[in-house]
Amino acid sequence: MYIIRMKNCAFFARHGVLDEEETLGQRFYVDAALTVEPGRALVDDAIEDTVHYGVAFGVIEKIITGERRFLIEALALEVARALTARFPQIKKAEITVRKPNAPVPGVLDHVEVTVAWPQ
């Protein structure tokens, strides 16, 4: 097994519980840690046998910029499921979604959740 990590993938989207979050939108950041079964990819240096991270980025982008979710937890799970469905060689996807402008009554850098699939 080996791990592909994609860090700080940035997208503008409109997720959240509050109406203002949908109206104004904000930037979301996604990290993906993908545990991959190597098969022959490493030995043969074959892109078709591994996870093409350009395609993986597109899968993440489509979900994050797509349908509004109230919970970033649900968003992270949807990304993890989509990646494992698209690339059967991914044996585990750990997806972290960060929301820097979470509407909380205090000062913080961001709120983040990490979801693993399958669990």
C-alpha atoms as a PDB file:
ATOM      1  CA  MET A   1       0.000   0.000   0.000  1.00  0.00           C
ATOM      2  CA  TYR A   2       0.993   3.601  -0.465  1.00  0.00           C
ATOM      3  CA  ILE A   3      -0.657   6.941   0.298  1.00  0.00           C
ATOM      4  CA  ILE A   4      -1.386   9.797  -2.062  1.00  0.00           C
ATOM      5  CA  ARG A   5      -1.920  13.080  -0.204  1.00  0.00           C
ATOM      6  CA  MET A   6      -3.560  16.119  -1.718  1.00  0.00           C
ATOM      7  CA  LYS A   7      -3.317  19.153   0.571  1.00  0.00           C
ATOM      8  CA  ASN A   8      -5.212  22.436   0.708  1.00  0.00           C
ATOM      9  CA  CYS A   9      -7.343  21.996  -2.395  1.00  0.00           C
ATOM     10  CA  ALA A  10      -9.260  25.299  -2.380  1.00  0.00           C
ATOM     11  CA  PHE A  11     -12.794  25.905  -3.646  1.00  0.00           C
ATOM     12  CA  PHE A  12     -15.428  28.609  -3.350  1.00  0.00           C
ATOM     13  CA  ALA A  13     -18.767  27.132  -2.265  1.00  0.00           C
ATOM     14  CA  ARG A  14     -21.959  27.812  -0.329  1.00  0.00           C
ATOM     15  CA  HIS A  15     -22.226  25.160   2.387  1.00  0.00           C
ATOM     16  CA  GLY A  16     -23.576  25.667   5.880  1.00  0.00           C
ATOM     17  CA  VAL A  17     -26.715  25.830   7.957  1.00  0.00           C
ATOM     18  CA  LEU A  18     -27.247  29.590   7.875  1.00  0.00           C
ATOM     19  CA  ASP A  19     -28.908  31.332   4.927  1.00  0.00           C
ATOM     20  CA  GLU A  20     -26.060  33.857   4.868  1.00  0.00           C
ATOM     21  CA  GLU A  21     -23.576  31.077   4.220  1.00  0.00           C
ATOM     22  CA  GLU A  22     -25.469  30.120   1.090  1.00  0.00           C
ATOM     23  CA  THR A  23     -25.914  33.730  -0.020  1.00  0.00           C
ATOM     24  CA  LEU A  24     -22.344  34.895   0.562  1.00  0.00           C
ATOM     25  CA  GLY A  25     -20.411  31.677   0.126  1.00  0.00           C
ATOM     26  CA  GLN A  26     -16.828  31.208   1.245  1.00  0.00           C
ATOM     27  CA  ARG A  27     -13.652  29.310   0.529  1.00  0.00           C
ATOM     28  CA  PHE A  28     -13.368  25.698   1.664  1.00  0.00           C
ATOM     29  CA  TYR A  29     -10.152  23.687   1.839  1.00  0.00           C
ATOM     30  CA  VAL A  30      -9.918  19.940   1.325  1.00  0.00           C
ATOM     31  CA  ASP A  31      -7.170  17.459   2.134  1.00  0.00           C
ATOM     32  CA  ALA A  32      -7.316  13.911   0.821  1.00  0.00           C
ATOM     33  CA  ALA A  33      -5.198  11.015   2.090  1.00  0.00           C
ATOM     34  CA  LEU A  34      -5.804   8.088  -0.233  1.00  0.00           C
ATOM     35  CA  THR A  35      -4.496   4.657   0.720  1.00  0.00           C
ATOM     36  CA  VAL A  36      -3.898   2.878  -2.570  1.00  0.00           C
ATOM     37  CA  GLU A  37      -3.339  -0.755  -3.466  1.00  0.00           C
ATOM     38  CA  PRO A  38      -0.289  -0.579  -5.740  1.00  0.00           C
ATOM     39  CA  GLY A  39      -1.024  -3.452  -8.081  1.00  0.00           C
ATOM     40  CA  ARG A  40       1.530  -3.088 -10.909  1.00  0.00           C
ATOM     41  CA  ALA A  41       1.477   0.720 -10.975  1.00  0.00           C
ATOM     42  CA  LEU A  42       4.739   1.282  -9.119  1.00  0.00           C
ATOM     43  CA  VAL A  43       6.704  -1.442 -10.873  1.00  0.00           C
ATOM     44  CA  ASP A  44       5.380  -0.599 -14.350  1.00  0.00           C
ATOM     45  CA  ASP A  45       5.283   3.188 -13.844  1.00  0.00           C
ATOM     46  CA  ALA A  46       1.731   3.078 -15.223  1.00  0.00           C
ATOM     47  CA  ILE A  47      -0.695   5.958 -14.617  1.00  0.00           C
ATOM     48  CA  GLU A  48      -3.650   3.820 -15.693  1.00  0.00           C
ATOM     49  CA  ASP A  49      -3.001   1.487 -12.737  1.00  0.00           C
ATOM     50  CA  THR A  50      -2.956   4.162 -10.051  1.00  0.00           C
ATOM     51  CA  VAL A  51      -5.008   7.158  -8.953  1.00  0.00           C
ATOM     52  CA  HIS A  52      -4.646  10.024 -11.406  1.00  0.00           C
ATOM     53  CA  TYR A  53      -4.645  12.930  -8.972  1.00  0.00           C
ATOM     54  CA  GLY A  54      -5.743  15.413 -11.622  1.00  0.00           C
ATOM     55  CA  VAL A  55      -8.897  13.352 -12.075  1.00  0.00           C
ATOM     56  CA  ALA A  56      -9.222  12.966  -8.289  1.00  0.00           C
ATOM     57  CA  PHE A  57      -9.033  16.757  -7.925  1.00  0.00           C
ATOM     58  CA  GLY A  58     -11.865  17.079 -10.449  1.00  0.00           C
ATOM     59  CA  VAL A  59     -14.014  14.636  -8.461  1.00  0.00           C
ATOM     60  CA  ILE A  60     -13.417  16.662  -5.292  1.00  0.00           C
ATOM     61  CA  GLU A  61     -14.091  19.962  -7.058  1.00  0.00           C
ATOM     62  CA  LYS A  62     -17.384  18.778  -8.560  1.00  0.00           C
ATOM     63  CA  ILE A  63     -18.718  17.787  -5.139  1.00  0.00           C
ATOM     64  CA  ILE A  64     -17.426  20.770  -3.159  1.00  0.00           C
ATOM     65  CA  THR A  65     -18.680  23.313  -5.683  1.00  0.00           C
ATOM     66  CA  GLY A  66     -21.909  21.396  -6.279  1.00  0.00           C
ATOM     67  CA  GLU A  67     -25.045  20.900  -4.228  1.00  0.00           C
ATOM     68  CA  ARG A  68     -25.209  22.746  -0.916  1.00  0.00           C
ATOM     69  CA  ARG A  69     -24.697  20.690   2.227  1.00  0.00           C
ATOM     70  CA  PHE A  70     -25.543  21.855   5.720  1.00  0.00           C
ATOM     71  CA  LEU A  71     -22.750  19.774   7.287  1.00  0.00           C
ATOM     72  CA  ILE A  72     -19.139  19.663   6.193  1.00  0.00           C
ATOM     73  CA  GLU A  73     -19.162  16.133   7.635  1.00  0.00           C
ATOM     74  CA  ALA A  74     -21.664  15.094   4.955  1.00  0.00           C
ATOM     75  CA  LEU A  75     -19.572  16.857   2.334  1.00  0.00           C
ATOM     76  CA  ALA A  76     -16.410  14.990   3.394  1.00  0.00           C
ATOM     77  CA  LEU A  77     -18.220  11.643   3.325  1.00  0.00           C
ATOM     78  CA  GLU A  78     -19.583  12.322  -0.150  1.00  0.00           C
ATOM     79  CA  VAL A  79     -16.072  13.084  -1.417  1.00  0.00           C
ATOM     80  CA  ALA A  80     -14.631   9.930   0.176  1.00  0.00           C
ATOM     81  CA  ARG A  81     -17.353   7.738  -1.292  1.00  0.00           C
ATOM     82  CA  ALA A  82     -17.016   9.276  -4.745  1.00  0.00           C
ATOM     83  CA  LEU A  83     -13.244   8.807  -4.825  1.00  0.00           C
ATOM     84  CA  THR A  84     -13.405   5.163  -3.736  1.00  0.00           C
ATOM     85  CA  ALA A  85     -16.134   4.518  -6.303  1.00  0.00           C
ATOM     86  CA  ARG A  86     -14.153   6.189  -9.107  1.00  0.00           C
ATOM     87  CA  PHE A  87     -10.852   4.488  -8.233  1.00  0.00           C
ATOM     88  CA  PRO A  88     -11.272   0.900  -7.005  1.00  0.00           C
ATOM     89  CA  GLN A  89      -7.578   0.776  -6.079  1.00  0.00           C
ATOM     90  CA  ILE A  90      -8.280   3.260  -3.248  1.00  0.00           C
ATOM     91  CA  LYS A  91      -8.757   1.060  -0.199  1.00  0.00           C
ATOM     92  CA  LYS A  92      -9.329   3.956   2.212  1.00  0.00           C
ATOM     93  CA  ALA A  93     -10.004   7.647   1.714  1.00  0.00           C
ATOM     94  CA  GLU A  94      -9.531  10.110   4.564  1.00  0.00           C
ATOM     95  CA  ILE A  95     -11.030  13.444   3.626  1.00  0.00           C
ATOM     96  CA  THR A  96     -10.628  16.620   5.661  1.00  0.00           C
ATOM     97  CA  VAL A  97     -12.791  19.652   4.940  1.00  0.00           C
ATOM     98  CA  ARG A  98     -11.825  22.987   6.485  1.00  0.00           C
ATOM     99  CA  LYS A  99     -14.179  25.924   6.838  1.00  0.00           C
ATOM    100  CA  PRO A 100     -12.200  29.048   7.757  1.00  0.00           C
ATOM    101  CA  ASN A 101     -15.168  31.363   8.252  1.00  0.00           C
ATOM    102  CA  ALA A 102     -17.401  29.183  10.367  1.00  0.00           C
ATOM    103  CA  PRO A 103     -20.092  31.263  12.056  1.00  0.00           C
ATOM    104  CA  VAL A 104     -19.028  30.846  15.672  1.00  0.00           C
ATOM    105  CA  PRO A 105     -18.991  33.530  18.371  1.00  0.00           C
ATOM    106  CA  GLY A 106     -15.242  33.609  18.793  1.00  0.00           C
ATOM    107  CA  VAL A 107     -11.893  33.802  17.082  1.00  0.00           C
ATOM    108  CA  LEU A 108     -10.490  30.694  15.421  1.00  0.00           C
ATOM    109  CA  ASP A 109      -8.463  29.755  12.373  1.00  0.00           C
ATOM    110  CA  HIS A 110     -10.990  27.297  11.004  1.00  0.00           C
ATOM    111  CA  VAL A 111     -13.283  24.402  11.777  1.00  0.00           C
ATOM    112  CA  GLU A 112     -12.385  21.094  10.201  1.00  0.00           C
ATOM    113  CA  VAL A 113     -13.700  17.556  10.059  1.00  0.00           C
ATOM    114  CA  THR A 114     -12.053  14.381   8.844  1.00  0.00           C
ATOM    115  CA  VAL A 115     -14.067  11.435   7.578  1.00  0.00           C
ATOM    116  CA  ALA A 116     -12.660   8.038   6.601  1.00  0.00           C
ATOM    117  CA  TRP A 117     -14.293   5.697   4.075  1.00  0.00           C
ATOM    118  CA  PRO A 118     -14.719   2.827   4.327  1.00  0.00           C
ATOM    119  CA  GLN A 119     -14.818   3.010   8.089  1.00  0.00           C
END
